[in-house]
Amino acid sequence: MPFRQNSSTLANLVVRTSADPNALAGSIRNEIRSLSRPWRSLMQAMPELIANSPAAFMRRFPATLIGVFAGLALLLSSIGIYGVVSYSVSQQTHHIGVRMALGARASDILKLILRQGLVIALAGIAIGSVGAFVLMRILQSLLF
């Protein structure tokens, strides 16, 4: 439909330039104002227009969502490791007391607890990795 018959439609003017687009914005705006009717102009460079488009949001959203879930997984695993190490230490309070009474330093007790926590964490990582690999193979056979 010709623009003069339906002037309510939106029109876009795209200018391709090898120079800085912001440097030409003033002269392009003056040319648009010199037309017969008043125009509302919004100047945006093409990278900004693409970055603000809904399609760009739909490309970024899954990555953002995966990042949020990865952060939650890290938080939950940290809480779980803390809980397991805390339970392990609470089960050994008598053993730790005997070591302290026999002359063990606090740094020795801390090394013992950290070593045991690391062993528990590494065992959990190994079991979880093997379990994930087995489940991946099982689920892979169910997919098309």
Foldseek 3Di string as FASTA:
>chain_A
DDCVVPVVDDDDDDDDDPDDPVVCVVVVVVVQCPDDDDDDDDDDDVVVVVCPDVVVVVVVVVVVVVVVVVVVVVVVVVVVLVVVLVVVVVVCVVVVVVVVVVPDDPVVVVVVSVVVSVVVVVVVVVVVVVVVVVVVVVVVVVDD
